[in-house]
Amino acid sequence: MADGFANLPSLKGQVSAEEWQVRVDLAALYRLVALHGWDDLIYTHISARIPGPEHHFLINPYGMLFEEITASSLVKIDLEGNILQETPYFINPAGFTIHSAIHAARDDAHFVMHLHSDDGVAVAAQSDGLLPLSQHALIVLPRLAYHDYEGIALNLDERERLVADIGDKELMLLRNHGTLSVGATAANCWIGMYYLERACTMQVKALAGGRDRVLLAPEASQAEVKNQVMRGIGGGLAWPGCLRKLDRELPGYDA
């Protein structure tokens, strides 16, 4: 990696064990997004709250590709966007706007992921939003909120509207913009985004031949799936396997 990325000193042992684990989990999320092809060069963001009363959180160093990010390269900031560690990097202010709003408003928002994937943006640009076309969509819909597009997220006033729109939901379609997932753990944040992104891809494929003959799931089935997934969708079960896949195909996130 160029520009000294490979020469960053490890922070393991230099930060608390709790912070280090959050760093490793967050770096894994960045690498998983890259592995699935959902990254957008150096843009979009995933953040994580560090345990403790200070409301400090970690976000990506602006300029590194998601496949390059490591636990030690993540940048610690406060809710005002001030960098709290010695680092050669800075952060994307748009990422700070979106993520600080949700971290500040939601005690359960330990991890927040925002993407600009092709299919996620495609569905976010459709007036009907996510349709009940697939089992994946039925799992997502009870957890899904919407936020209207207001431009590149540089206006701090947008934070209030973003928080109001997401409410207590874990997933959001940002109209004309992308997808968002909130989780109490990295595993839950990941599995929520995985289902949302897969549901969007299935919808794009289903609508490729037109809307007229697309089959919507029956309302009774939608209600049944909603009841079936009230206790969650198994993020903790899938997470260890995702990490093993990273270790095989894109190792180094835990450095």
C-alpha atoms as a PDB file:
ATOM      1  CA  MET A   1       0.000   0.000   0.000  1.00  0.00           C
ATOM      2  CA  ALA A   2       1.257   3.471  -0.898  1.00  0.00           C
ATOM      3  CA  ASP A   3       1.676   6.627   1.197  1.00  0.00           C
ATOM      4  CA  GLY A   4       2.816   4.795   4.307  1.00  0.00           C
ATOM      5  CA  PHE A   5      -0.415   2.886   4.901  1.00  0.00           C
ATOM      6  CA  ALA A   6       1.522  -0.323   5.507  1.00  0.00           C
ATOM      7  CA  ASN A   7       3.837   1.392   8.012  1.00  0.00           C
ATOM      8  CA  LEU A   8       1.234   2.586  10.498  1.00  0.00           C
ATOM      9  CA  PRO A   9       2.179   1.466  14.004  1.00  0.00           C
ATOM     10  CA  SER A  10      -0.199  -0.980  15.650  1.00  0.00           C
ATOM     11  CA  LEU A  11      -2.393   0.436  18.399  1.00  0.00           C
ATOM     12  CA  LYS A  12      -2.869  -2.962  20.013  1.00  0.00           C
ATOM     13  CA  GLY A  13      -1.815  -2.554  23.632  1.00  0.00           C
ATOM     14  CA  GLN A  14      -1.859   1.248  23.235  1.00  0.00           C
ATOM     15  CA  VAL A  15      -5.642   1.502  23.677  1.00  0.00           C
ATOM     16  CA  SER A  16      -8.003  -0.321  26.018  1.00  0.00           C
ATOM     17  CA  ALA A  17      -8.952  -3.904  25.244  1.00  0.00           C
ATOM     18  CA  GLU A  18     -12.544  -2.749  24.694  1.00  0.00           C
ATOM     19  CA  GLU A  19     -11.514  -0.099  22.171  1.00  0.00           C
ATOM     20  CA  TRP A  20      -9.224  -2.540  20.372  1.00  0.00           C
ATOM     21  CA  GLN A  21     -12.049  -5.053  19.931  1.00  0.00           C
ATOM     22  CA  VAL A  22     -14.301  -2.349  18.473  1.00  0.00           C
ATOM     23  CA  ARG A  23     -11.476  -1.350  16.125  1.00  0.00           C
ATOM     24  CA  VAL A  24     -11.061  -4.923  14.921  1.00  0.00           C
ATOM     25  CA  ASP A  25     -14.818  -5.378  14.411  1.00  0.00           C
ATOM     26  CA  LEU A  26     -15.140  -2.074  12.550  1.00  0.00           C
ATOM     27  CA  ALA A  27     -12.163  -2.798  10.303  1.00  0.00           C
ATOM     28  CA  ALA A  28     -13.760  -6.167   9.521  1.00  0.00           C
ATOM     29  CA  LEU A  29     -16.942  -4.403   8.428  1.00  0.00           C
ATOM     30  CA  TYR A  30     -14.973  -2.206   6.026  1.00  0.00           C
ATOM     31  CA  ARG A  31     -13.215  -5.227   4.551  1.00  0.00           C
ATOM     32  CA  LEU A  32     -16.504  -7.184   4.221  1.00  0.00           C
ATOM     33  CA  VAL A  33     -18.077  -4.287   2.307  1.00  0.00           C
ATOM     34  CA  ALA A  34     -15.085  -4.286  -0.048  1.00  0.00           C
ATOM     35  CA  LEU A  35     -15.215  -8.068  -0.402  1.00  0.00           C
ATOM     36  CA  HIS A  36     -18.874  -7.844  -1.510  1.00  0.00           C
ATOM     37  CA  GLY A  37     -18.181  -5.022  -3.963  1.00  0.00           C
ATOM     38  CA  TRP A  38     -20.350  -2.518  -2.119  1.00  0.00           C
ATOM     39  CA  ASP A  39     -17.622   0.082  -1.573  1.00  0.00           C
ATOM     40  CA  ASP A  40     -17.396   3.373  -3.481  1.00  0.00           C
ATOM     41  CA  LEU A  41     -13.648   4.110  -3.699  1.00  0.00           C
ATOM     42  CA  ILE A  42     -12.885   6.129  -0.527  1.00  0.00           C
ATOM     43  CA  TYR A  43     -16.462   7.335  -0.057  1.00  0.00           C
ATOM     44  CA  THR A  44     -19.250   6.244   2.296  1.00  0.00           C
ATOM     45  CA  HIS A  45     -18.578   5.377   5.890  1.00  0.00           C
ATOM     46  CA  ILE A  46     -18.940   2.911   8.729  1.00  0.00           C
ATOM     47  CA  SER A  47     -18.539   4.097  12.300  1.00  0.00           C
ATOM     48  CA  ALA A  48     -18.497   2.561  15.758  1.00  0.00           C
ATOM     49  CA  ARG A  49     -18.972   3.920  19.257  1.00  0.00           C
ATOM     50  CA  ILE A  50     -16.166   3.223  21.709  1.00  0.00           C
ATOM     51  CA  PRO A  51     -17.461   1.895  25.065  1.00  0.00           C
ATOM     52  CA  GLY A  52     -17.521   4.548  27.770  1.00  0.00           C
ATOM     53  CA  PRO A  53     -19.385   7.724  28.743  1.00  0.00           C
ATOM     54  CA  GLU A  54     -17.480  10.066  26.407  1.00  0.00           C
ATOM     55  CA  HIS A  55     -19.447   9.261  23.220  1.00  0.00           C
ATOM     56  CA  HIS A  56     -16.255   8.902  21.217  1.00  0.00           C
ATOM     57  CA  PHE A  57     -16.413   6.928  18.020  1.00  0.00           C
ATOM     58  CA  LEU A  58     -14.253   5.585  15.215  1.00  0.00           C
ATOM     59  CA  ILE A  59     -14.539   6.291  11.509  1.00  0.00           C
ATOM     60  CA  ASN A  60     -12.470   5.663   8.390  1.00  0.00           C
ATOM     61  CA  PRO A  61      -9.419   7.746   7.519  1.00  0.00           C
ATOM     62  CA  TYR A  62     -10.375   9.729   4.434  1.00  0.00           C
ATOM     63  CA  GLY A  63      -8.254   8.555   1.533  1.00  0.00           C
ATOM     64  CA  MET A  64      -7.928   4.849   2.284  1.00  0.00           C
ATOM     65  CA  LEU A  65      -9.831   2.259   0.300  1.00  0.00           C
ATOM     66  CA  PHE A  66     -12.080   0.010   2.354  1.00  0.00           C
ATOM     67  CA  GLU A  67      -9.928  -3.007   1.471  1.00  0.00           C
ATOM     68  CA  GLU A  68      -6.921  -1.233   3.041  1.00  0.00           C
ATOM     69  CA  ILE A  69      -8.447  -0.259   6.367  1.00  0.00           C
ATOM     70  CA  THR A  70      -7.032  -1.808   9.521  1.00  0.00           C
ATOM     71  CA  ALA A  71      -7.952  -1.623  13.186  1.00  0.00           C
ATOM     72  CA  SER A  72      -5.038   0.743  13.842  1.00  0.00           C
ATOM     73  CA  SER A  73      -5.770   3.117  10.953  1.00  0.00           C
ATOM     74  CA  LEU A  74      -9.277   4.018  12.134  1.00  0.00           C
ATOM     75  CA  VAL A  75      -9.633   7.580  13.445  1.00  0.00           C
ATOM     76  CA  LYS A  76     -11.076   8.389  16.876  1.00  0.00           C
ATOM     77  CA  ILE A  77     -13.310  11.485  16.996  1.00  0.00           C
ATOM     78  CA  ASP A  78     -15.881  13.087  19.276  1.00  0.00           C
ATOM     79  CA  LEU A  79     -19.438  14.157  18.456  1.00  0.00           C
ATOM     80  CA  GLU A  80     -18.173  17.533  17.261  1.00  0.00           C
ATOM     81  CA  GLY A  81     -15.851  15.887  14.741  1.00  0.00           C
ATOM     82  CA  ASN A  82     -12.638  16.690  16.608  1.00  0.00           C
ATOM     83  CA  ILE A  83      -9.868  14.134  16.061  1.00  0.00           C
ATOM     84  CA  LEU A  84      -8.753  12.711  19.413  1.00  0.00           C
ATOM     85  CA  GLN A  85      -5.612  10.794  18.462  1.00  0.00           C
ATOM     86  CA  GLU A  86      -2.331  11.370  16.690  1.00  0.00           C
ATOM     87  CA  THR A  87      -2.926  10.359  13.085  1.00  0.00           C
ATOM     88  CA  PRO A  88      -1.729  11.453   9.632  1.00  0.00           C
ATOM     89  CA  TYR A  89      -5.314  11.290   8.339  1.00  0.00           C
ATOM     90  CA  PHE A  90      -8.454  13.384   8.433  1.00  0.00           C
ATOM     91  CA  ILE A  91     -12.104  12.422   8.099  1.00  0.00           C
ATOM     92  CA  ASN A  92     -14.884  13.079   5.596  1.00  0.00           C
ATOM     93  CA  PRO A  93     -17.213  15.779   7.009  1.00  0.00           C
ATOM     94  CA  ALA A  94     -20.228  14.237   5.264  1.00  0.00           C
ATOM     95  CA  GLY A  95     -19.576  11.006   7.098  1.00  0.00           C
ATOM     96  CA  PHE A  96     -19.407  12.885  10.378  1.00  0.00           C
ATOM     97  CA  THR A  97     -22.758  14.570   9.728  1.00  0.00           C
ATOM     98  CA  ILE A  98     -24.710  11.363   9.170  1.00  0.00           C
ATOM     99  CA  HIS A  99     -23.001   9.173  11.729  1.00  0.00           C
ATOM    100  CA  SER A 100     -22.719  11.627  14.605  1.00  0.00           C
ATOM    101  CA  ALA A 101     -26.455  12.287  14.393  1.00  0.00           C
ATOM    102  CA  ILE A 102     -27.379   8.644  14.864  1.00  0.00           C
ATOM    103  CA  HIS A 103     -24.701   7.876  17.452  1.00  0.00           C
ATOM    104  CA  ALA A 104     -25.833  10.855  19.540  1.00  0.00           C
ATOM    105  CA  ALA A 105     -29.524  10.023  19.348  1.00  0.00           C
ATOM    106  CA  ARG A 106     -29.515   6.236  19.699  1.00  0.00           C
ATOM    107  CA  ASP A 107     -27.957   4.398  22.643  1.00  0.00           C
ATOM    108  CA  ASP A 108     -28.242   1.169  20.651  1.00  0.00           C
ATOM    109  CA  ALA A 109     -26.370   2.615  17.661  1.00  0.00           C
ATOM    110  CA  HIS A 110     -22.959   1.155  18.437  1.00  0.00           C
ATOM    111  CA  PHE A 111     -22.246   0.580  14.730  1.00  0.00           C
ATOM    112  CA  VAL A 112     -23.578   2.628  11.801  1.00  0.00           C
ATOM    113  CA  MET A 113     -22.968   1.695   8.159  1.00  0.00           C
ATOM    114  CA  HIS A 114     -23.785   3.835   5.111  1.00  0.00           C
ATOM    115  CA  LEU A 115     -23.256   2.650   1.526  1.00  0.00           C
ATOM    116  CA  HIS A 116     -23.687   3.825  -2.076  1.00  0.00           C
ATOM    117  CA  SER A 117     -24.066   0.419  -3.739  1.00  0.00           C
ATOM    118  CA  ASP A 118     -25.476   0.271  -7.275  1.00  0.00           C
ATOM    119  CA  ASP A 119     -28.601  -1.661  -6.340  1.00  0.00           C
ATOM    120  CA  GLY A 120     -29.137   0.148  -3.052  1.00  0.00           C
ATOM    121  CA  VAL A 121     -29.092   3.530  -4.797  1.00  0.00           C
ATOM    122  CA  ALA A 122     -31.281   2.145  -7.608  1.00  0.00           C
ATOM    123  CA  VAL A 123     -34.027   1.134  -5.181  1.00  0.00           C
ATOM    124  CA  ALA A 124     -33.576   4.342  -3.165  1.00  0.00           C
ATOM    125  CA  ALA A 125     -34.305   6.198  -6.421  1.00  0.00           C
ATOM    126  CA  GLN A 126     -37.591   4.346  -7.025  1.00  0.00           C
ATOM    127  CA  SER A 127     -40.715   6.122  -5.794  1.00  0.00           C
ATOM    128  CA  ASP A 128     -42.156   2.927  -4.268  1.00  0.00           C
ATOM    129  CA  GLY A 129     -38.979   2.164  -2.358  1.00  0.00           C
ATOM    130  CA  LEU A 130     -38.441  -1.438  -1.335  1.00  0.00           C
ATOM    131  CA  LEU A 131     -41.274  -3.688  -2.488  1.00  0.00           C
ATOM    132  CA  PRO A 132     -42.361  -7.006  -0.880  1.00  0.00           C
ATOM    133  CA  LEU A 133     -40.966  -9.074  -3.741  1.00  0.00           C
ATOM    134  CA  SER A 134     -38.683 -11.502  -1.922  1.00  0.00           C
ATOM    135  CA  GLN A 135     -38.245 -13.185   1.431  1.00  0.00           C
ATOM    136  CA  HIS A 136     -35.225 -10.951   2.000  1.00  0.00           C
ATOM    137  CA  ALA A 137     -37.420  -7.889   1.481  1.00  0.00           C
ATOM    138  CA  LEU A 138     -40.078  -9.210   3.868  1.00  0.00           C
ATOM    139  CA  ILE A 139     -37.407  -9.630   6.537  1.00  0.00           C
ATOM    140  CA  VAL A 140     -36.170  -6.073   5.945  1.00  0.00           C
ATOM    141  CA  LEU A 141     -39.436  -4.147   5.605  1.00  0.00           C
ATOM    142  CA  PRO A 142     -40.501  -4.092   9.287  1.00  0.00           C
ATOM    143  CA  ARG A 143     -37.096  -2.590  10.125  1.00  0.00           C
ATOM    144  CA  LEU A 144     -36.932  -0.072   7.256  1.00  0.00           C
ATOM    145  CA  ALA A 145     -37.233   3.729   7.335  1.00  0.00           C
ATOM    146  CA  TYR A 146     -36.796   6.411   4.640  1.00  0.00           C
ATOM    147  CA  HIS A 147     -35.089   9.804   4.505  1.00  0.00           C
ATOM    148  CA  ASP A 148     -35.524  12.285   1.637  1.00  0.00           C
ATOM    149  CA  TYR A 149     -32.468  13.528  -0.226  1.00  0.00           C
ATOM    150  CA  GLU A 150     -31.216  16.982   0.811  1.00  0.00           C
ATOM    151  CA  GLY A 151     -27.882  17.103  -1.023  1.00  0.00           C
ATOM    152  CA  ILE A 152     -24.399  16.012   0.060  1.00  0.00           C
ATOM    153  CA  ALA A 153     -24.610  15.608   3.835  1.00  0.00           C
ATOM    154  CA  LEU A 154     -22.609  18.674   4.858  1.00  0.00           C
ATOM    155  CA  ASN A 155     -25.453  20.629   6.495  1.00  0.00           C
ATOM    156  CA  LEU A 156     -25.548  19.921  10.223  1.00  0.00           C
ATOM    157  CA  ASP A 157     -29.222  20.926  10.318  1.00  0.00           C
ATOM    158  CA  GLU A 158     -30.040  17.724   8.430  1.00  0.00           C
ATOM    159  CA  ARG A 159     -29.114  15.664  11.479  1.00  0.00           C
ATOM    160  CA  GLU A 160     -32.408  16.395  13.265  1.00  0.00           C
ATOM    161  CA  ARG A 161     -34.465  15.296  10.278  1.00  0.00           C
ATOM    162  CA  LEU A 162     -32.337  12.192   9.755  1.00  0.00           C
ATOM    163  CA  VAL A 163     -32.805  11.133  13.375  1.00  0.00           C
ATOM    164  CA  ALA A 164     -36.550  11.819  13.237  1.00  0.00           C
ATOM    165  CA  ASP A 165     -36.911   9.747  10.073  1.00  0.00           C
ATOM    166  CA  ILE A 166     -35.023   6.689  11.289  1.00  0.00           C
ATOM    167  CA  GLY A 167     -36.825   6.664  14.649  1.00  0.00           C
ATOM    168  CA  ASP A 168     -36.243   3.270  16.261  1.00  0.00           C
ATOM    169  CA  LYS A 169     -35.639   1.393  12.999  1.00  0.00           C
ATOM    170  CA  GLU A 170     -32.378  -0.376  12.230  1.00  0.00           C
ATOM    171  CA  LEU A 171     -32.348   0.124   8.448  1.00  0.00           C
ATOM    172  CA  MET A 172     -32.922   3.085   6.165  1.00  0.00           C
ATOM    173  CA  LEU A 173     -33.097   3.935   2.497  1.00  0.00           C
ATOM    174  CA  LEU A 174     -31.650   7.394   1.908  1.00  0.00           C
ATOM    175  CA  ARG A 175     -33.655   8.559  -1.105  1.00  0.00           C
ATOM    176  CA  ASN A 176     -31.535   9.053  -4.258  1.00  0.00           C
ATOM    177  CA  HIS A 177     -28.493   8.343  -2.098  1.00  0.00           C
ATOM    178  CA  GLY A 178     -28.000   4.879  -0.624  1.00  0.00           C
ATOM    179  CA  THR A 179     -28.516   2.498   2.273  1.00  0.00           C
ATOM    180  CA  LEU A 180     -27.921   2.674   6.010  1.00  0.00           C
ATOM    181  CA  SER A 181     -27.772   0.092   8.817  1.00  0.00           C
ATOM    182  CA  VAL A 182     -27.603   0.502  12.600  1.00  0.00           C
ATOM    183  CA  GLY A 183     -26.591  -2.249  15.007  1.00  0.00           C
ATOM    184  CA  ALA A 184     -25.829  -2.815  18.661  1.00  0.00           C
ATOM    185  CA  THR A 185     -23.037  -5.106  17.440  1.00  0.00           C
ATOM    186  CA  ALA A 186     -20.944  -5.312  14.292  1.00  0.00           C
ATOM    187  CA  ALA A 187     -22.668  -8.610  13.522  1.00  0.00           C
ATOM    188  CA  ASN A 188     -26.162  -7.119  13.685  1.00  0.00           C
ATOM    189  CA  CYS A 189     -25.150  -4.060  11.672  1.00  0.00           C
ATOM    190  CA  TRP A 190     -23.648  -6.336   9.013  1.00  0.00           C
ATOM    191  CA  ILE A 191     -26.493  -8.818   8.726  1.00  0.00           C
ATOM    192  CA  GLY A 192     -29.050  -6.002   8.503  1.00  0.00           C
ATOM    193  CA  MET A 193     -27.146  -4.381   5.651  1.00  0.00           C
ATOM    194  CA  TYR A 194     -26.583  -7.746   3.983  1.00  0.00           C
ATOM    195  CA  TYR A 195     -30.322  -8.445   3.868  1.00  0.00           C
ATOM    196  CA  LEU A 196     -31.155  -4.902   2.730  1.00  0.00           C
ATOM    197  CA  GLU A 197     -28.576  -4.954  -0.060  1.00  0.00           C
ATOM    198  CA  ARG A 198     -29.630  -8.446  -1.204  1.00  0.00           C
ATOM    199  CA  ALA A 199     -33.299  -7.381  -1.189  1.00  0.00           C
ATOM    200  CA  CYS A 200     -32.419  -4.367  -3.337  1.00  0.00           C
ATOM    201  CA  THR A 201     -30.483  -6.526  -5.812  1.00  0.00           C
ATOM    202  CA  MET A 202     -33.391  -8.959  -6.085  1.00  0.00           C
ATOM    203  CA  GLN A 203     -35.791  -6.084  -6.707  1.00  0.00           C
ATOM    204  CA  VAL A 204     -33.631  -4.586  -9.460  1.00  0.00           C
ATOM    205  CA  LYS A 205     -33.500  -7.977 -11.171  1.00  0.00           C
ATOM    206  CA  ALA A 206     -37.222  -8.638 -10.713  1.00  0.00           C
ATOM    207  CA  LEU A 207     -38.179  -5.258 -12.181  1.00  0.00           C
ATOM    208  CA  ALA A 208     -35.826  -5.586 -15.144  1.00  0.00           C
ATOM    209  CA  GLY A 209     -38.701  -6.934 -17.231  1.00  0.00           C
ATOM    210  CA  GLY A 210     -41.153  -4.273 -16.080  1.00  0.00           C
ATOM    211  CA  ARG A 211     -43.490  -3.777 -13.145  1.00  0.00           C
ATOM    212  CA  ASP A 212     -46.766  -5.078 -14.641  1.00  0.00           C
ATOM    213  CA  ARG A 213     -46.368  -8.799 -13.975  1.00  0.00           C
ATOM    214  CA  VAL A 214     -44.246  -8.713 -10.842  1.00  0.00           C
ATOM    215  CA  LEU A 215     -45.690 -10.827  -8.032  1.00  0.00           C
ATOM    216  CA  LEU A 216     -45.935  -9.122  -4.646  1.00  0.00           C
ATOM    217  CA  ALA A 217     -45.918 -11.379  -1.593  1.00  0.00           C
ATOM    218  CA  PRO A 218     -49.418 -11.853  -0.089  1.00  0.00           C
ATOM    219  CA  GLU A 219     -50.200  -9.553   2.832  1.00  0.00           C
ATOM    220  CA  ALA A 220     -50.780 -12.532   5.137  1.00  0.00           C
ATOM    221  CA  SER A 221     -47.324 -13.861   4.289  1.00  0.00           C
ATOM    222  CA  GLN A 222     -45.782 -10.460   4.925  1.00  0.00           C
ATOM    223  CA  ALA A 223     -47.365 -10.420   8.382  1.00  0.00           C
ATOM    224  CA  GLU A 224     -46.213 -13.974   9.067  1.00  0.00           C
ATOM    225  CA  VAL A 225     -42.579 -13.209   8.204  1.00  0.00           C
ATOM    226  CA  LYS A 226     -42.728 -10.074  10.368  1.00  0.00           C
ATOM    227  CA  ASN A 227     -43.771 -12.202  13.331  1.00  0.00           C
ATOM    228  CA  GLN A 228     -41.163 -14.841  12.558  1.00  0.00           C
ATOM    229  CA  VAL A 229     -38.249 -12.414  12.640  1.00  0.00           C
ATOM    230  CA  MET A 230     -39.243 -10.342  15.669  1.00  0.00           C
ATOM    231  CA  ARG A 231     -36.324 -11.784  17.660  1.00  0.00           C
ATOM    232  CA  GLY A 232     -33.702 -10.989  15.024  1.00  0.00           C
ATOM    233  CA  ILE A 233     -32.186 -12.530  11.934  1.00  0.00           C
ATOM    234  CA  GLY A 234     -29.119 -14.339  13.217  1.00  0.00           C
ATOM    235  CA  GLY A 235     -26.295 -11.853  12.823  1.00  0.00           C
ATOM    236  CA  GLY A 236     -24.319 -13.448  15.625  1.00  0.00           C
ATOM    237  CA  LEU A 237     -24.514 -16.842  13.935  1.00  0.00           C
ATOM    238  CA  ALA A 238     -23.234 -15.579  10.582  1.00  0.00           C
ATOM    239  CA  TRP A 239     -20.515 -13.246  11.904  1.00  0.00           C
ATOM    240  CA  PRO A 240     -17.793 -15.811  12.782  1.00  0.00           C
ATOM    241  CA  GLY A 241     -18.065 -17.331   9.313  1.00  0.00           C
ATOM    242  CA  CYS A 242     -17.762 -13.882   7.754  1.00  0.00           C
ATOM    243  CA  LEU A 243     -14.555 -13.307   9.717  1.00  0.00           C
ATOM    244  CA  ARG A 244     -13.170 -16.668   8.608  1.00  0.00           C
ATOM    245  CA  LYS A 245     -13.901 -15.692   5.006  1.00  0.00           C
ATOM    246  CA  LEU A 246     -12.009 -12.426   5.541  1.00  0.00           C
ATOM    247  CA  ASP A 247      -9.066 -14.306   7.015  1.00  0.00           C
ATOM    248  CA  ARG A 248      -8.923 -16.417   3.855  1.00  0.00           C
ATOM    249  CA  GLU A 249      -9.583 -13.783   1.200  1.00  0.00           C
ATOM    250  CA  LEU A 250      -8.728 -10.330   2.595  1.00  0.00           C
ATOM    251  CA  PRO A 251      -6.596 -10.759   5.734  1.00  0.00           C
ATOM    252  CA  GLY A 252      -4.936  -8.022   7.741  1.00  0.00           C
ATOM    253  CA  TYR A 253      -7.932  -6.065   9.033  1.00  0.00           C
ATOM    254  CA  ASP A 254      -6.942  -6.835  12.650  1.00  0.00           C
ATOM    255  CA  ALA A 255      -3.508  -5.195  12.385  1.00  0.00           C
END
